[in-house]
Amino acid sequence: MPYDARVPKPSRRRPDLGGEGDEVAELRQELEQTRAEVRDLRRRLRRTRDRLRESRPRDDVGYLFVVTYGRSGSTLVQGLLNSIPGYVIRGENAQILRHLYEFHRAGMKLQRRGRGWLKSHPEHDEQPVTQPFYGAEAYPRVPPHPLFRRIALDVLLGPDEATRVVGFKEVHWDEPDTAHYVQWLQRVFPGARFLFNTRDLDDVAQSAWWGDDPDSRGRLERIEADLLALCDELGGAAYRIHYDDYTADPSVLAGLYEWLDEPFDVDRVREVLGREHSFQRKPDAEA
């Protein structure tokens, strides 16, 4: 049949769907909104991943802690260790990490309380807001040791790119739960090692640090006995040196350097031992 120009061409306009058209438009709007939300979530996820990557504790450093009591020559040991390239052994910090340790113990106790309530109320997934310990069960069941390690590294220890081994020396290890605290340190700092430093107790007891304590000798004996028992319990993770031995003959420290897997340079050791490393007690007027 010949083409009839009067036959109208099909309309390109969408048919009027009435109410259905409005629903389609709303669905399209919701779809675009959802897509925008997904894009935003993806951006937030990327930022979160970047932050997590940046906040991961360094896993390429070793950890070393000096365990001793006051006036044992620990500052000299600190100097010896810091003379080893790549070692950053900080000074005393009044056992500041014990606050994280106590925080963790309190958190675990709180969690047990919360989970105990849930166990006796199996119909609940969490404690209701009407309970006095609402949210107690939220403390992580897997201890946040990497977080504690990150805090210690960033706030207290501060290793730099050249650091291979980091730690600190401390003279306050006489709490009743010291062994448990050291176990916690081992979990927070994988592979941590502990260097025990002792000294002739008569000399220590007569020093300015202990001179005001009439029972200093007996107290020191008890502290040292506990520390040496802990040293034995730690096995290969611990090593003991004695001030009177290495100041008389620096070559006895060769075993320490072997334990640390570091080269032993007796001349460098003698040079460090020749420097003054000492606790300076403030005069009463300045105290």
C-alpha atoms as a PDB file:
ATOM      1  CA  MET A   1       0.000   0.000   0.000  1.00  0.00           C
ATOM      2  CA  PRO A   2       1.407   3.431  -0.857  1.00  0.00           C
ATOM      3  CA  TYR A   3       2.613   5.619   1.962  1.00  0.00           C
ATOM      4  CA  ASP A   4       0.007   8.053   3.204  1.00  0.00           C
ATOM      5  CA  ALA A   5       1.613  11.172   4.613  1.00  0.00           C
ATOM      6  CA  ARG A   6      -1.562  11.886   6.518  1.00  0.00           C
ATOM      7  CA  VAL A   7      -1.046   8.915   8.835  1.00  0.00           C
ATOM      8  CA  PRO A   8       0.210  10.390  12.151  1.00  0.00           C
ATOM      9  CA  LYS A   9       3.625   9.336  13.393  1.00  0.00           C
ATOM     10  CA  PRO A  10       3.827   7.475  16.698  1.00  0.00           C
ATOM     11  CA  SER A  11       4.195   9.863  19.665  1.00  0.00           C
ATOM     12  CA  ARG A  12       7.557   9.866  21.490  1.00  0.00           C
ATOM     13  CA  ARG A  13       5.936  11.141  24.651  1.00  0.00           C
ATOM     14  CA  ARG A  14       5.619   8.754  27.539  1.00  0.00           C
ATOM     15  CA  PRO A  15       2.113   7.630  28.116  1.00  0.00           C
ATOM     16  CA  ASP A  16       0.240   9.287  30.922  1.00  0.00           C
ATOM     17  CA  LEU A  17       0.219   6.689  33.645  1.00  0.00           C
ATOM     18  CA  GLY A  18      -1.652   8.847  36.079  1.00  0.00           C
ATOM     19  CA  GLY A  19      -0.957   7.757  39.646  1.00  0.00           C
ATOM     20  CA  GLU A  20       1.460   5.068  38.491  1.00  0.00           C
ATOM     21  CA  GLY A  21       3.651   7.744  36.919  1.00  0.00           C
ATOM     22  CA  ASP A  22       3.930   9.541  40.239  1.00  0.00           C
ATOM     23  CA  GLU A  23       4.984   6.311  41.932  1.00  0.00           C
ATOM     24  CA  VAL A  24       7.673   5.719  39.318  1.00  0.00           C
ATOM     25  CA  ALA A  25       8.988   9.245  39.806  1.00  0.00           C
ATOM     26  CA  GLU A  26       9.111   8.737  43.564  1.00  0.00           C
ATOM     27  CA  LEU A  27      10.931   5.440  43.128  1.00  0.00           C
ATOM     28  CA  ARG A  28      13.468   7.085  40.839  1.00  0.00           C
ATOM     29  CA  GLN A  29      14.001   9.825  43.405  1.00  0.00           C
ATOM     30  CA  GLU A  30      14.462   7.263  46.179  1.00  0.00           C
ATOM     31  CA  LEU A  31      16.880   5.316  43.974  1.00  0.00           C
ATOM     32  CA  GLU A  32      19.016   8.405  43.360  1.00  0.00           C
ATOM     33  CA  GLN A  33      18.979   9.206  47.060  1.00  0.00           C
ATOM     34  CA  THR A  34      20.036   5.652  47.888  1.00  0.00           C
ATOM     35  CA  ARG A  35      22.834   5.815  45.347  1.00  0.00           C
ATOM     36  CA  ALA A  36      24.057   9.081  46.873  1.00  0.00           C
ATOM     37  CA  GLU A  37      23.993   7.503  50.336  1.00  0.00           C
ATOM     38  CA  VAL A  38      25.949   4.503  49.037  1.00  0.00           C
ATOM     39  CA  ARG A  39      28.569   6.806  47.505  1.00  0.00           C
ATOM     40  CA  ASP A  40      28.841   8.682  50.800  1.00  0.00           C
ATOM     41  CA  LEU A  41      29.194   5.424  52.745  1.00  0.00           C
ATOM     42  CA  ARG A  42      31.928   4.272  50.395  1.00  0.00           C
ATOM     43  CA  ARG A  43      33.829   7.519  50.919  1.00  0.00           C
ATOM     44  CA  ARG A  44      33.463   7.181  54.686  1.00  0.00           C
ATOM     45  CA  LEU A  45      34.594   3.558  54.492  1.00  0.00           C
ATOM     46  CA  ARG A  46      37.712   4.553  52.562  1.00  0.00           C
ATOM     47  CA  ARG A  47      38.518   7.252  55.121  1.00  0.00           C
ATOM     48  CA  THR A  48      37.969   4.791  57.976  1.00  0.00           C
ATOM     49  CA  ARG A  49      40.253   2.238  56.331  1.00  0.00           C
ATOM     50  CA  ASP A  50      42.911   4.899  55.867  1.00  0.00           C
ATOM     51  CA  ARG A  51      42.666   5.912  59.531  1.00  0.00           C
ATOM     52  CA  LEU A  52      42.841   2.295  60.666  1.00  0.00           C
ATOM     53  CA  ARG A  53      45.855   1.698  58.455  1.00  0.00           C
ATOM     54  CA  GLU A  54      47.575   4.732  59.946  1.00  0.00           C
ATOM     55  CA  SER A  55      46.651   3.768  63.516  1.00  0.00           C
ATOM     56  CA  ARG A  56      47.956   0.220  63.392  1.00  0.00           C
ATOM     57  CA  PRO A  57      50.709  -0.315  65.947  1.00  0.00           C
ATOM     58  CA  ARG A  58      54.151  -0.855  64.519  1.00  0.00           C
ATOM     59  CA  ASP A  59      54.931  -4.536  64.324  1.00  0.00           C
ATOM     60  CA  ASP A  60      58.537  -4.110  63.239  1.00  0.00           C
ATOM     61  CA  VAL A  61      60.050  -3.146  66.606  1.00  0.00           C
ATOM     62  CA  GLY A  62      61.154  -5.195  69.586  1.00  0.00           C
ATOM     63  CA  TYR A  63      60.299  -4.385  73.186  1.00  0.00           C
ATOM     64  CA  LEU A  64      62.642  -4.330  76.166  1.00  0.00           C
ATOM     65  CA  PHE A  65      61.890  -3.345  79.762  1.00  0.00           C
ATOM     66  CA  VAL A  66      64.417  -2.878  82.574  1.00  0.00           C
ATOM     67  CA  VAL A  67      63.150  -4.285  85.878  1.00  0.00           C
ATOM     68  CA  THR A  68      64.861  -3.193  89.075  1.00  0.00           C
ATOM     69  CA  TYR A  69      64.624  -1.070  92.248  1.00  0.00           C
ATOM     70  CA  GLY A  70      65.847   2.410  93.091  1.00  0.00           C
ATOM     71  CA  ARG A  71      69.609   3.112  93.258  1.00  0.00           C
ATOM     72  CA  SER A  72      70.581  -0.127  91.551  1.00  0.00           C
ATOM     73  CA  GLY A  73      72.422   1.537  88.681  1.00  0.00           C
ATOM     74  CA  SER A  74      69.416   1.377  86.371  1.00  0.00           C
ATOM     75  CA  THR A  75      70.141   4.761  84.778  1.00  0.00           C
ATOM     76  CA  LEU A  76      73.559   3.419  83.820  1.00  0.00           C
ATOM     77  CA  VAL A  77      71.851   0.391  82.255  1.00  0.00           C
ATOM     78  CA  GLN A  78      69.572   2.796  80.413  1.00  0.00           C
ATOM     79  CA  GLY A  79      72.647   4.520  79.012  1.00  0.00           C
ATOM     80  CA  LEU A  80      74.227   1.222  77.968  1.00  0.00           C
ATOM     81  CA  LEU A  81      71.125   0.123  76.090  1.00  0.00           C
ATOM     82  CA  ASN A  82      70.645   3.466  74.372  1.00  0.00           C
ATOM     83  CA  SER A  83      74.226   3.280  73.090  1.00  0.00           C
ATOM     84  CA  ILE A  84      73.126   0.383  70.884  1.00  0.00           C
ATOM     85  CA  PRO A  85      72.101   1.741  67.458  1.00  0.00           C
ATOM     86  CA  GLY A  86      68.324   1.639  67.036  1.00  0.00           C
ATOM     87  CA  TYR A  87      67.524   1.297  70.744  1.00  0.00           C
ATOM     88  CA  VAL A  88      65.206   3.791  72.452  1.00  0.00           C
ATOM     89  CA  ILE A  89      64.888   2.891  76.129  1.00  0.00           C
ATOM     90  CA  ARG A  90      63.030   5.623  77.976  1.00  0.00           C
ATOM     91  CA  GLY A  91      63.469   6.503  81.622  1.00  0.00           C
ATOM     92  CA  GLU A  92      61.120   5.947  84.531  1.00  0.00           C
ATOM     93  CA  ASN A  93      57.444   6.826  84.164  1.00  0.00           C
ATOM     94  CA  ALA A  94      56.016   5.898  87.590  1.00  0.00           C
ATOM     95  CA  GLN A  95      54.471   2.802  85.975  1.00  0.00           C
ATOM     96  CA  ILE A  96      52.036   4.883  83.957  1.00  0.00           C
ATOM     97  CA  LEU A  97      51.013   1.833  81.920  1.00  0.00           C
ATOM     98  CA  ARG A  98      49.561   0.366  85.085  1.00  0.00           C
ATOM     99  CA  HIS A  99      46.628   2.734  84.581  1.00  0.00           C
ATOM    100  CA  LEU A 100      45.855   0.995  81.276  1.00  0.00           C
ATOM    101  CA  TYR A 101      46.293  -2.348  82.999  1.00  0.00           C
ATOM    102  CA  GLU A 102      43.832  -1.358  85.743  1.00  0.00           C
ATOM    103  CA  PHE A 103      41.461   0.064  83.130  1.00  0.00           C
ATOM    104  CA  HIS A 104      41.483  -3.275  81.341  1.00  0.00           C
ATOM    105  CA  ARG A 105      40.908  -5.238  84.538  1.00  0.00           C
ATOM    106  CA  ALA A 106      37.989  -2.977  85.456  1.00  0.00           C
ATOM    107  CA  GLY A 107      36.563  -3.326  81.949  1.00  0.00           C
ATOM    108  CA  MET A 108      36.726  -7.123  82.078  1.00  0.00           C
ATOM    109  CA  LYS A 109      35.042  -7.114  85.484  1.00  0.00           C
ATOM    110  CA  LEU A 110      32.303  -4.869  84.122  1.00  0.00           C
ATOM    111  CA  GLN A 111      31.855  -7.121  81.106  1.00  0.00           C
ATOM    112  CA  ARG A 112      31.482 -10.200  83.308  1.00  0.00           C
ATOM    113  CA  ARG A 113      28.790  -8.416  85.298  1.00  0.00           C
ATOM    114  CA  GLY A 114      26.923  -7.534  82.124  1.00  0.00           C
ATOM    115  CA  ARG A 115      27.201 -10.989  80.591  1.00  0.00           C
ATOM    116  CA  GLY A 116      26.110 -12.515  83.883  1.00  0.00           C
ATOM    117  CA  TRP A 117      22.899 -10.509  83.715  1.00  0.00           C
ATOM    118  CA  LEU A 118      22.302 -11.602  80.113  1.00  0.00           C
ATOM    119  CA  LYS A 119      22.877 -15.226  81.056  1.00  0.00           C
ATOM    120  CA  SER A 120      20.141 -15.015  83.676  1.00  0.00           C
ATOM    121  CA  HIS A 121      17.848 -13.158  81.237  1.00  0.00           C
ATOM    122  CA  PRO A 122      18.196 -15.102  77.973  1.00  0.00           C
ATOM    123  CA  GLU A 123      15.234 -13.294  76.443  1.00  0.00           C
ATOM    124  CA  HIS A 124      17.430 -10.165  76.123  1.00  0.00           C
ATOM    125  CA  ASP A 125      20.257  -9.495  73.683  1.00  0.00           C
ATOM    126  CA  GLU A 126      21.441  -6.582  75.776  1.00  0.00           C
ATOM    127  CA  GLN A 127      20.601  -5.023  79.072  1.00  0.00           C
ATOM    128  CA  PRO A 128      17.677  -2.592  78.849  1.00  0.00           C
ATOM    129  CA  VAL A 129      18.188   1.057  79.690  1.00  0.00           C
ATOM    130  CA  THR A 130      16.320   0.494  82.933  1.00  0.00           C
ATOM    131  CA  GLN A 131      19.258  -1.515  84.298  1.00  0.00           C
ATOM    132  CA  PRO A 132      21.919   0.289  86.360  1.00  0.00           C
ATOM    133  CA  PHE A 133      24.774  -1.380  84.406  1.00  0.00           C
ATOM    134  CA  TYR A 134      23.222  -0.868  80.984  1.00  0.00           C
ATOM    135  CA  GLY A 135      25.924  -1.507  78.352  1.00  0.00           C
ATOM    136  CA  ALA A 136      28.331  -3.245  80.726  1.00  0.00           C
ATOM    137  CA  GLU A 137      28.545  -6.244  78.414  1.00  0.00           C
ATOM    138  CA  ALA A 138      29.836  -4.039  75.591  1.00  0.00           C
ATOM    139  CA  TYR A 139      33.458  -4.110  76.781  1.00  0.00           C
ATOM    140  CA  PRO A 140      35.306  -6.164  74.123  1.00  0.00           C
ATOM    141  CA  ARG A 141      35.461  -9.876  74.776  1.00  0.00           C
ATOM    142  CA  VAL A 142      38.734  -9.897  72.836  1.00  0.00           C
ATOM    143  CA  PRO A 143      41.053  -7.642  74.882  1.00  0.00           C
ATOM    144  CA  PRO A 144      42.036  -4.472  72.970  1.00  0.00           C
ATOM    145  CA  HIS A 145      45.769  -5.045  73.402  1.00  0.00           C
ATOM    146  CA  PRO A 146      46.684  -3.460  70.029  1.00  0.00           C
ATOM    147  CA  LEU A 147      44.920  -0.276  71.136  1.00  0.00           C
ATOM    148  CA  PHE A 148      46.878  -0.203  74.399  1.00  0.00           C
ATOM    149  CA  ARG A 149      50.091  -0.790  72.453  1.00  0.00           C
ATOM    150  CA  ARG A 150      49.262   2.079  70.130  1.00  0.00           C
ATOM    151  CA  ILE A 151      48.655   4.430  73.058  1.00  0.00           C
ATOM    152  CA  ALA A 152      51.959   3.434  74.663  1.00  0.00           C
ATOM    153  CA  LEU A 153      53.915   3.852  71.436  1.00  0.00           C
ATOM    154  CA  ASP A 154      52.354   7.177  70.472  1.00  0.00           C
ATOM    155  CA  VAL A 155      52.129   8.814  73.889  1.00  0.00           C
ATOM    156  CA  LEU A 156      54.912   7.295  75.990  1.00  0.00           C
ATOM    157  CA  LEU A 157      57.609   5.489  74.027  1.00  0.00           C
ATOM    158  CA  GLY A 158      57.719   7.464  70.767  1.00  0.00           C
ATOM    159  CA  PRO A 159      59.855   5.314  68.459  1.00  0.00           C
ATOM    160  CA  ASP A 160      61.009   6.916  65.209  1.00  0.00           C
ATOM    161  CA  GLU A 161      61.770   5.370  61.854  1.00  0.00           C
ATOM    162  CA  ALA A 162      65.257   4.356  62.954  1.00  0.00           C
ATOM    163  CA  THR A 163      64.069   2.601  66.127  1.00  0.00           C
ATOM    164  CA  ARG A 164      64.529  -1.158  66.279  1.00  0.00           C
ATOM    165  CA  VAL A 165      63.892  -1.781  69.989  1.00  0.00           C
ATOM    166  CA  VAL A 166      61.849   0.399  72.324  1.00  0.00           C
ATOM    167  CA  GLY A 167      60.966   0.250  76.002  1.00  0.00           C
ATOM    168  CA  PHE A 168      61.679   1.840  79.352  1.00  0.00           C
ATOM    169  CA  LYS A 169      63.366   1.251  82.688  1.00  0.00           C
ATOM    170  CA  GLU A 170      61.375   1.321  85.888  1.00  0.00           C
ATOM    171  CA  VAL A 171      62.137   0.929  89.592  1.00  0.00           C
ATOM    172  CA  HIS A 172      58.602   0.351  90.879  1.00  0.00           C
ATOM    173  CA  TRP A 173      57.835  -3.362  90.553  1.00  0.00           C
ATOM    174  CA  ASP A 174      56.817  -4.137  94.119  1.00  0.00           C
ATOM    175  CA  GLU A 175      53.021  -4.343  93.793  1.00  0.00           C
ATOM    176  CA  PRO A 176      51.450  -7.680  94.862  1.00  0.00           C
ATOM    177  CA  ASP A 177      50.152  -8.312  91.332  1.00  0.00           C
ATOM    178  CA  THR A 178      53.399  -7.490  89.519  1.00  0.00           C
ATOM    179  CA  ALA A 179      53.578 -10.955  87.930  1.00  0.00           C
ATOM    180  CA  HIS A 180      50.088 -10.505  86.430  1.00  0.00           C
ATOM    181  CA  TYR A 181      51.004  -7.017  85.257  1.00  0.00           C
ATOM    182  CA  VAL A 182      54.080  -8.370  83.489  1.00  0.00           C
ATOM    183  CA  GLN A 183      51.914 -11.019  81.810  1.00  0.00           C
ATOM    184  CA  TRP A 184      49.681  -8.191  80.562  1.00  0.00           C
ATOM    185  CA  LEU A 185      52.747  -6.354  79.236  1.00  0.00           C
ATOM    186  CA  GLN A 186      53.711  -9.484  77.320  1.00  0.00           C
ATOM    187  CA  ARG A 187      50.275  -9.555  75.681  1.00  0.00           C
ATOM    188  CA  VAL A 188      50.338  -5.862  74.829  1.00  0.00           C
ATOM    189  CA  PHE A 189      53.935  -6.002  73.551  1.00  0.00           C
ATOM    190  CA  PRO A 190      54.430  -9.310  71.710  1.00  0.00           C
ATOM    191  CA  GLY A 191      57.875 -10.767  72.204  1.00  0.00           C
ATOM    192  CA  ALA A 192      58.714  -8.356  75.038  1.00  0.00           C
ATOM    193  CA  ARG A 193      61.884  -9.076  76.984  1.00  0.00           C
ATOM    194  CA  PHE A 194      62.788  -8.066  80.510  1.00  0.00           C
ATOM    195  CA  LEU A 195      66.230  -7.134  81.779  1.00  0.00           C
ATOM    196  CA  PHE A 196      66.627  -7.513  85.550  1.00  0.00           C
ATOM    197  CA  ASN A 197      69.301  -5.391  87.213  1.00  0.00           C
ATOM    198  CA  THR A 198      70.450  -5.975  90.813  1.00  0.00           C
ATOM    199  CA  ARG A 199      73.109  -4.502  93.093  1.00  0.00           C
ATOM    200  CA  ASP A 200      74.678  -5.182  96.462  1.00  0.00           C
ATOM    201  CA  LEU A 201      71.797  -4.516  98.837  1.00  0.00           C
ATOM    202  CA  ASP A 202      73.964  -3.068 101.602  1.00  0.00           C
ATOM    203  CA  ASP A 203      75.118  -0.327  99.233  1.00  0.00           C
ATOM    204  CA  VAL A 204      71.581   0.254  97.979  1.00  0.00           C
ATOM    205  CA  ALA A 205      70.134   0.448 101.500  1.00  0.00           C
ATOM    206  CA  GLN A 206      72.634   3.130 102.481  1.00  0.00           C
ATOM    207  CA  SER A 207      71.924   5.333  99.469  1.00  0.00           C
ATOM    208  CA  ALA A 208      69.963   8.593  99.628  1.00  0.00           C
ATOM    209  CA  TRP A 209      66.951   6.884  98.021  1.00  0.00           C
ATOM    210  CA  TRP A 210      66.535   4.391 100.874  1.00  0.00           C
ATOM    211  CA  GLY A 211      68.386   6.071 103.742  1.00  0.00           C
ATOM    212  CA  ASP A 212      65.236   7.397 105.448  1.00  0.00           C
ATOM    213  CA  ASP A 213      63.664   3.941 105.693  1.00  0.00           C
ATOM    214  CA  PRO A 214      64.810   2.070 108.852  1.00  0.00           C
ATOM    215  CA  ASP A 215      63.667  -1.226 107.285  1.00  0.00           C
ATOM    216  CA  SER A 216      65.255  -0.529 103.912  1.00  0.00           C
ATOM    217  CA  ARG A 217      67.504  -3.619 103.963  1.00  0.00           C
ATOM    218  CA  GLY A 218      64.656  -5.979 104.782  1.00  0.00           C
ATOM    219  CA  ARG A 219      62.335  -4.347 102.276  1.00  0.00           C
ATOM    220  CA  LEU A 220      64.964  -4.551  99.552  1.00  0.00           C
ATOM    221  CA  GLU A 221      65.513  -8.240 100.285  1.00  0.00           C
ATOM    222  CA  ARG A 222      61.812  -8.926  99.833  1.00  0.00           C
ATOM    223  CA  ILE A 223      61.604  -6.899  96.625  1.00  0.00           C
ATOM    224  CA  GLU A 224      64.688  -8.527  95.121  1.00  0.00           C
ATOM    225  CA  ALA A 225      63.515 -12.035  96.040  1.00  0.00           C
ATOM    226  CA  ASP A 226      60.186 -11.411  94.288  1.00  0.00           C
ATOM    227  CA  LEU A 227      61.900  -9.961  91.222  1.00  0.00           C
ATOM    228  CA  LEU A 228      64.338 -12.851  90.919  1.00  0.00           C
ATOM    229  CA  ALA A 229      61.468 -15.325  91.196  1.00  0.00           C
ATOM    230  CA  LEU A 230      59.717 -13.448  88.401  1.00  0.00           C
ATOM    231  CA  CYS A 231      62.919 -13.512  86.363  1.00  0.00           C
ATOM    232  CA  ASP A 232      63.029 -17.298  86.686  1.00  0.00           C
ATOM    233  CA  GLU A 233      59.358 -17.592  85.687  1.00  0.00           C
ATOM    234  CA  LEU A 234      59.935 -15.599  82.503  1.00  0.00           C
ATOM    235  CA  GLY A 235      62.580 -18.035  81.290  1.00  0.00           C
ATOM    236  CA  GLY A 236      64.219 -16.976  78.037  1.00  0.00           C
ATOM    237  CA  ALA A 237      62.261 -13.720  77.997  1.00  0.00           C
ATOM    238  CA  ALA A 238      64.369 -12.464  80.931  1.00  0.00           C
ATOM    239  CA  TYR A 239      68.032 -11.861  81.634  1.00  0.00           C
ATOM    240  CA  ARG A 240      69.786 -10.754  84.830  1.00  0.00           C
ATOM    241  CA  ILE A 241      72.813  -8.517  85.260  1.00  0.00           C
ATOM    242  CA  HIS A 242      74.486  -7.334  88.479  1.00  0.00           C
ATOM    243  CA  TYR A 243      75.839  -3.810  88.897  1.00  0.00           C
ATOM    244  CA  ASP A 244      78.862  -4.788  90.977  1.00  0.00           C
ATOM    245  CA  ASP A 245      79.906  -7.364  88.380  1.00  0.00           C
ATOM    246  CA  TYR A 246      79.727  -5.277  85.201  1.00  0.00           C
ATOM    247  CA  THR A 247      81.207  -2.136  86.745  1.00  0.00           C
ATOM    248  CA  ALA A 248      84.198  -4.188  87.931  1.00  0.00           C
ATOM    249  CA  ASP A 249      84.560  -6.084  84.654  1.00  0.00           C
ATOM    250  CA  PRO A 250      82.572  -4.813  81.636  1.00  0.00           C
ATOM    251  CA  SER A 251      83.354  -7.990  79.688  1.00  0.00           C
ATOM    252  CA  VAL A 252      80.748  -9.875  81.757  1.00  0.00           C
ATOM    253  CA  LEU A 253      78.089  -8.007  79.729  1.00  0.00           C
ATOM    254  CA  ALA A 254      78.980 -10.057  76.650  1.00  0.00           C
ATOM    255  CA  GLY A 255      76.233 -12.495  77.640  1.00  0.00           C
ATOM    256  CA  LEU A 256      73.671  -9.680  77.742  1.00  0.00           C
ATOM    257  CA  TYR A 257      74.552  -8.574  74.233  1.00  0.00           C
ATOM    258  CA  GLU A 258      74.369 -12.155  73.031  1.00  0.00           C
ATOM    259  CA  TRP A 259      70.881 -12.431  74.579  1.00  0.00           C
ATOM    260  CA  LEU A 260      69.925  -9.221  72.800  1.00  0.00           C
ATOM    261  CA  ASP A 261      71.460 -10.564  69.577  1.00  0.00           C
ATOM    262  CA  GLU A 262      73.601  -7.436  69.299  1.00  0.00           C
ATOM    263  CA  PRO A 263      77.345  -7.093  68.648  1.00  0.00           C
ATOM    264  CA  PHE A 264      79.383  -6.583  71.789  1.00  0.00           C
ATOM    265  CA  ASP A 265      81.915  -3.738  71.723  1.00  0.00           C
ATOM    266  CA  VAL A 266      83.691  -3.731  75.076  1.00  0.00           C
ATOM    267  CA  ASP A 267      85.384  -0.401  74.332  1.00  0.00           C
ATOM    268  CA  ARG A 268      82.047   1.283  73.718  1.00  0.00           C
ATOM    269  CA  VAL A 269      80.686  -0.295  76.898  1.00  0.00           C
ATOM    270  CA  ARG A 270      83.648   1.009  78.899  1.00  0.00           C
ATOM    271  CA  GLU A 271      83.124   4.476  77.432  1.00  0.00           C
ATOM    272  CA  VAL A 272      79.448   4.470  78.493  1.00  0.00           C
ATOM    273  CA  LEU A 273      80.306   3.152  81.953  1.00  0.00           C
ATOM    274  CA  GLY A 274      82.763   6.010  82.317  1.00  0.00           C
ATOM    275  CA  ARG A 275      80.034   8.639  82.001  1.00  0.00           C
ATOM    276  CA  GLU A 276      78.063   9.833  84.999  1.00  0.00           C
ATOM    277  CA  HIS A 277      74.536   8.404  85.091  1.00  0.00           C
ATOM    278  CA  SER A 278      72.820   9.219  88.330  1.00  0.00           C
ATOM    279  CA  PHE A 279      69.632  10.208  90.082  1.00  0.00           C
ATOM    280  CA  GLN A 280      70.057  13.705  91.481  1.00  0.00           C
ATOM    281  CA  ARG A 281      67.979  14.231  94.605  1.00  0.00           C
ATOM    282  CA  LYS A 282      66.587  17.745  94.967  1.00  0.00           C
ATOM    283  CA  PRO A 283      67.647  19.745  98.025  1.00  0.00           C
ATOM    284  CA  ASP A 284      64.948  20.044 100.679  1.00  0.00           C
ATOM    285  CA  ALA A 285      64.493  23.707  99.784  1.00  0.00           C
ATOM    286  CA  GLU A 286      63.489  22.756  96.251  1.00  0.00           C
ATOM    287  CA  ALA A 287      61.403  19.688  97.090  1.00  0.00           C
END
